[in-house]
Amino acid sequence: MVSENQPTGAQAISRAFELFEVIVQDSGETSLRELGERLSLAGSTSRRYAKLLLERGLIVRIARGRYAGSQHLRRLLDGINPLSRLIAVARPILAAAASRENATAHLGTYENEMVTYLVREGLPSIFTREHAQLEAYCTGIGKALLSQLSLRDLDAYLRLPMVKLTPTTIVDPEVMRSEVEAIRQRGYAIDDGEMQAGLVCIAAPLGVIEGQNCAVSFSYPGQKLERMDIERISARLLKCADQIASRMAAKTPVSPAEPHHRRIAAGS
């Protein structure tokens, strides 16, 4: 049986945080009483801490005696994303560029050998989504990210399996190595229907931001590479990348991002 001795002062704050952590991790699977017992908290103490967390909006009651992390907590966590400032800086620049180019513009980063899409603006017809991941080897933005890897990290990546998704997908490690070197030389990557037939993408590296490799891209559905003015498109994309990099370097204040639920949720 748990003692009714009530923690006080700093100890009370520490125990309340312990309970908060297990509530969030448990996601309502276990009753508050059981969670409190695991922490050797008296029932009255657990209820008092839960009441305080409810009042602060950090947890929600999902059933009798069961609690989980709240949407308010999720929003707070979103706000400490180390790339949140980059997202806020890049979004209006990419939105304006997508409108001018009649394309879909993306901001992405390299995570766990994959592309994570942070921003997607423009045409709704492309399948990409914000926060989703795609393979790096078969996307323009992914190849732009690969071009920023060290030789050692690139070697490790090229030992991973690559699947041929379309007739133009590059799956030979040495051909991909040559492709990455060409990207480094010219400053931008080209995806000629390598992820999806008929989808052309031009992408440019942004460099390392908050410890992560980042890149931007313009994607054009239903296009043939030979009919496109790649030099013009790449010049505009590189200008867009320079704008983002300059604003990040200048630490220019940015306006709060538009709430995500008011935008079409997508990104490549």
Protein backbone atom coordinates (compact mmCIF):
# COMPACT_ATOMS: atom_id res chain seq x y z
CA MET A 1 0.00 0.00 0.00
CA VAL A 2 1.32 3.44 -0.97
CA SER A 3 2.13 5.82 1.88
CA GLU A 4 0.00 8.96 2.16
CA ASN A 5 3.05 11.16 2.87
CA GLN A 6 2.70 14.07 0.44
CA PRO A 7 5.81 15.25 -1.44
CA THR A 8 6.52 18.94 -0.91
CA GLY A 9 8.58 21.70 -2.55
CA ALA A 10 11.10 20.66 -5.19
CA GLN A 11 10.32 17.00 -4.54
CA ALA A 12 6.65 17.60 -5.37
CA ILE A 13 7.59 19.29 -8.65
CA SER A 14 9.90 16.40 -9.54
CA ARG A 15 7.25 13.76 -8.75
CA ALA A 16 4.61 15.68 -10.74
CA PHE A 17 6.92 15.66 -13.76
CA GLU A 18 7.51 11.93 -13.31
CA LEU A 19 3.77 11.34 -13.42
CA PHE A 20 3.43 13.65 -16.43
CA GLU A 21 6.09 11.67 -18.31
CA VAL A 22 4.47 8.29 -17.71
CA ILE A 23 1.00 9.63 -18.62
CA VAL A 24 2.30 10.92 -21.97
CA GLN A 25 4.24 7.72 -22.68
CA ASP A 26 1.30 5.50 -21.69
CA SER A 27 -1.25 7.37 -23.89
CA GLY A 28 -4.23 6.34 -21.76
CA GLU A 29 -3.59 2.59 -21.77
CA THR A 30 -3.33 2.43 -17.98
CA SER A 31 -5.39 4.03 -15.23
CA LEU A 32 -4.05 6.97 -13.25
CA ARG A 33 -4.24 4.86 -10.08
CA GLU A 34 -1.96 2.17 -11.57
CA LEU A 35 0.49 4.72 -12.95
CA GLY A 36 0.67 6.41 -9.57
CA GLU A 37 1.28 3.10 -7.82
CA ARG A 38 4.20 2.38 -10.16
CA LEU A 39 5.74 5.64 -8.98
CA SER A 40 4.87 4.94 -5.33
CA LEU A 41 2.50 7.90 -5.28
CA ALA A 42 -0.55 7.98 -3.05
CA GLY A 43 -3.87 8.06 -4.88
CA SER A 44 -4.69 11.53 -3.58
CA THR A 45 -1.29 12.81 -4.75
CA SER A 46 -1.72 11.35 -8.24
CA ARG A 47 -5.16 12.93 -8.53
CA ARG A 48 -3.84 16.31 -7.35
CA TYR A 49 -1.01 16.26 -9.90
CA ALA A 50 -3.36 15.14 -12.68
CA LYS A 51 -5.76 17.98 -11.82
CA LEU A 52 -2.93 20.50 -12.10
CA LEU A 53 -1.79 19.06 -15.46
CA LEU A 54 -5.38 19.19 -16.72
CA GLU A 55 -5.71 22.82 -15.66
CA ARG A 56 -2.51 23.67 -17.56
CA GLY A 57 -3.86 21.91 -20.65
CA LEU A 58 -0.93 19.48 -20.82
CA ILE A 59 -3.05 16.33 -20.56
CA VAL A 60 -6.64 15.39 -21.42
CA ARG A 61 -9.05 12.90 -19.83
CA ILE A 62 -9.85 10.24 -22.44
CA ALA A 63 -11.87 7.91 -20.17
CA ARG A 64 -12.72 7.56 -16.50
CA GLY A 65 -9.39 7.59 -14.66
CA ARG A 66 -7.34 7.57 -17.87
CA TYR A 67 -5.31 10.43 -19.33
CA ALA A 68 -3.08 11.20 -22.33
CA GLY A 69 -1.00 14.06 -23.71
CA SER A 70 -3.07 16.95 -25.12
CA GLN A 71 -3.11 18.75 -28.48
CA HIS A 72 -1.79 21.80 -26.61
CA LEU A 73 1.24 19.72 -25.60
CA ARG A 74 1.73 18.70 -29.24
CA ARG A 75 1.68 22.33 -30.32
CA LEU A 76 4.24 23.21 -27.66
CA LEU A 77 6.52 20.42 -28.89
CA ASP A 78 6.12 21.55 -32.50
CA GLY A 79 7.35 24.96 -31.41
CA ILE A 80 10.73 23.58 -30.29
CA ASN A 81 11.51 21.85 -33.58
CA PRO A 82 15.11 23.01 -34.23
CA LEU A 83 14.13 23.61 -37.85
CA SER A 84 10.97 25.58 -37.02
CA ARG A 85 12.62 28.90 -37.90
CA LEU A 86 13.85 27.51 -41.22
CA ILE A 87 10.32 26.31 -41.99
CA ALA A 88 8.88 29.74 -41.16
CA VAL A 89 11.50 31.50 -43.31
CA ALA A 90 11.23 29.11 -46.26
CA ARG A 91 7.45 28.72 -46.50
CA PRO A 92 6.51 32.17 -47.92
CA ILE A 93 9.52 32.14 -50.26
CA LEU A 94 8.63 28.69 -51.59
CA ALA A 95 4.92 29.53 -51.84
CA ALA A 96 5.67 32.59 -53.99
CA ALA A 97 8.11 30.62 -56.14
CA ALA A 98 5.63 27.76 -56.64
CA SER A 99 3.01 30.23 -57.84
CA ARG A 100 5.41 31.87 -60.30
CA GLU A 101 6.71 28.55 -61.61
CA ASN A 102 3.35 26.73 -61.69
CA ALA A 103 5.14 23.99 -59.77
CA THR A 104 5.23 22.35 -56.36
CA ALA A 105 8.04 23.67 -54.16
CA HIS A 106 9.52 21.68 -51.30
CA LEU A 107 11.90 22.01 -48.38
CA GLY A 108 13.38 18.77 -47.11
CA THR A 109 16.00 17.39 -44.76
CA TYR A 110 18.03 14.17 -44.59
CA GLU A 111 17.00 11.86 -41.73
CA ASN A 112 17.81 8.16 -41.32
CA GLU A 113 18.88 7.80 -44.98
CA MET A 114 15.53 9.25 -46.10
CA VAL A 115 14.12 12.60 -47.19
CA THR A 116 11.76 14.19 -44.65
CA TYR A 117 9.53 16.83 -46.25
CA LEU A 118 9.20 19.91 -44.07
CA VAL A 119 7.38 22.28 -46.43
CA ARG A 120 5.21 21.65 -49.49
CA GLU A 121 3.66 24.55 -51.40
CA GLY A 122 1.99 24.74 -54.80
CA LEU A 123 0.20 22.29 -57.07
CA PRO A 124 -2.06 19.83 -55.20
CA SER A 125 -1.69 17.11 -57.84
CA ILE A 126 1.66 15.79 -56.60
CA PHE A 127 1.50 12.93 -54.07
CA THR A 128 4.01 14.36 -51.57
CA ARG A 129 3.04 15.33 -48.00
CA GLU A 130 4.61 17.42 -45.26
CA HIS A 131 6.28 15.31 -42.53
CA ALA A 132 6.26 12.25 -44.84
CA GLN A 133 9.44 10.49 -45.92
CA LEU A 134 10.62 9.17 -49.28
CA GLU A 135 13.77 7.45 -50.48
CA ALA A 136 16.67 9.78 -51.28
CA TYR A 137 18.18 7.98 -54.29
CA CYS A 138 15.11 8.36 -56.53
CA THR A 139 14.05 11.95 -55.77
CA GLY A 140 15.60 15.23 -56.86
CA ILE A 141 15.62 16.66 -53.37
CA GLY A 142 17.04 13.40 -52.05
CA LYS A 143 19.94 13.46 -54.50
CA ALA A 144 20.62 17.10 -53.60
CA LEU A 145 20.83 15.96 -49.97
CA LEU A 146 23.13 13.06 -50.87
CA SER A 147 25.48 15.53 -52.57
CA GLN A 148 26.08 17.14 -49.16
CA LEU A 149 27.21 13.92 -47.46
CA SER A 150 30.83 13.22 -46.64
CA LEU A 151 32.51 10.58 -48.80
CA ARG A 152 32.34 8.14 -45.89
CA ASP A 153 28.62 8.71 -45.33
CA LEU A 154 27.92 8.50 -49.07
CA ASP A 155 29.80 5.19 -49.26
CA ALA A 156 27.65 3.85 -46.41
CA TYR A 157 24.47 5.04 -48.13
CA LEU A 158 25.43 3.44 -51.45
CA ARG A 159 25.71 0.06 -49.75
CA LEU A 160 21.97 0.16 -49.04
CA PRO A 161 19.59 -1.57 -51.49
CA MET A 162 18.06 0.60 -54.22
CA VAL A 163 14.90 -0.53 -56.02
CA LYS A 164 14.12 0.38 -59.63
CA LEU A 165 10.76 2.19 -59.46
CA THR A 166 10.67 3.50 -63.05
CA PRO A 167 12.79 2.95 -66.18
CA THR A 168 14.94 5.98 -65.24
CA THR A 169 15.57 5.13 -61.56
CA ILE A 170 19.30 4.89 -60.84
CA VAL A 171 20.07 1.74 -58.83
CA ASP A 172 23.74 1.10 -59.68
CA PRO A 173 25.91 2.45 -56.81
CA GLU A 174 28.71 3.62 -59.09
CA VAL A 175 26.30 5.38 -61.44
CA MET A 176 24.74 7.07 -58.41
CA ARG A 177 28.18 8.08 -57.17
CA SER A 178 28.85 9.75 -60.53
CA GLU A 179 25.43 11.41 -60.40
CA VAL A 180 26.17 12.84 -56.95
CA GLU A 181 29.51 14.20 -58.16
CA ALA A 182 27.78 15.86 -61.13
CA ILE A 183 25.32 17.50 -58.72
CA ARG A 184 28.21 18.85 -56.66
CA GLN A 185 29.79 20.29 -59.79
CA ARG A 186 26.73 22.02 -61.27
CA GLY A 187 25.02 22.95 -57.98
CA TYR A 188 21.64 21.29 -58.52
CA ALA A 189 20.05 17.86 -58.96
CA ILE A 190 17.63 16.56 -61.60
CA ASP A 191 15.02 13.83 -61.10
CA ASP A 192 13.82 12.74 -64.54
CA GLY A 193 10.82 10.61 -63.55
CA GLU A 194 12.94 8.46 -61.24
CA MET A 195 10.33 8.28 -58.47
CA GLN A 196 7.24 8.56 -60.65
CA ALA A 197 7.10 8.53 -64.45
CA GLY A 198 6.29 11.96 -65.84
CA LEU A 199 7.34 13.83 -62.69
CA VAL A 200 10.38 16.07 -63.20
CA CYS A 201 12.11 17.66 -60.22
CA ILE A 202 14.96 20.17 -59.96
CA ALA A 203 16.55 20.45 -56.50
CA ALA A 204 19.32 22.47 -54.85
CA PRO A 205 21.28 21.97 -51.61
CA LEU A 206 20.75 24.50 -48.81
CA GLY A 207 23.66 23.31 -46.69
CA VAL A 208 23.73 22.29 -43.04
CA ILE A 209 21.13 24.09 -40.89
CA GLU A 210 20.76 23.27 -37.19
CA GLY A 211 22.99 20.25 -37.74
CA GLN A 212 20.92 18.77 -40.59
CA ASN A 213 21.46 18.71 -44.34
CA CYS A 214 18.64 20.59 -46.08
CA ALA A 215 17.57 21.17 -49.68
CA VAL A 216 14.79 22.76 -51.75
CA SER A 217 13.12 21.66 -54.98
CA PHE A 218 10.63 22.52 -57.72
CA SER A 219 8.53 19.60 -59.02
CA TYR A 220 6.58 19.52 -62.28
CA PRO A 221 4.03 16.75 -63.00
CA GLY A 222 3.27 15.58 -66.53
CA GLN A 223 6.49 16.96 -68.01
CA LYS A 224 9.30 15.70 -70.23
CA LEU A 225 12.80 16.81 -69.28
CA GLU A 226 13.88 17.53 -72.85
CA ARG A 227 11.09 20.06 -73.25
CA MET A 228 12.00 22.04 -70.14
CA ASP A 229 14.34 25.03 -69.79
CA ILE A 230 16.47 23.50 -67.06
CA GLU A 231 18.96 26.38 -66.98
CA ARG A 232 16.20 28.92 -66.34
CA ILE A 233 14.46 26.76 -63.73
CA SER A 234 17.69 25.92 -61.89
CA ALA A 235 18.73 29.59 -61.82
CA ARG A 236 15.42 30.55 -60.21
CA LEU A 237 15.64 27.67 -57.76
CA LEU A 238 19.18 28.64 -56.75
CA LYS A 239 18.02 32.23 -56.27
CA CYS A 240 15.24 30.91 -54.02
CA ALA A 241 17.78 28.88 -52.02
CA ASP A 242 20.01 31.95 -51.68
CA GLN A 243 17.06 33.99 -50.34
CA ILE A 244 16.35 31.38 -47.69
CA ALA A 245 20.01 31.04 -46.72
CA SER A 246 20.45 34.83 -46.52
CA ARG A 247 17.43 35.29 -44.27
CA MET A 248 18.59 32.47 -42.02
CA ALA A 249 22.09 33.96 -41.78
CA ALA A 250 20.70 37.43 -41.04
CA LYS A 251 18.40 36.02 -38.35
CA THR A 252 15.60 38.18 -39.76
CA PRO A 253 12.45 37.98 -37.61
CA VAL A 254 9.70 35.94 -39.23
CA SER A 255 5.94 36.09 -38.89
CA PRO A 256 4.22 33.17 -37.13
CA ALA A 257 3.44 30.38 -39.58
CA GLU A 258 -0.15 29.98 -40.75
CA PRO A 259 -1.87 27.22 -38.75
CA HIS A 260 -1.18 23.90 -40.43
CA HIS A 261 -4.84 22.84 -40.54
CA ARG A 262 -5.61 25.77 -42.85
CA ARG A 263 -3.14 24.57 -45.47
CA ILE A 264 -3.17 21.54 -47.74
CA ALA A 265 -0.98 19.06 -45.87
CA ALA A 266 1.59 17.82 -48.42
CA GLY A 267 5.49 17.91 -49.28
CA SER A 268 8.34 16.33 -51.66
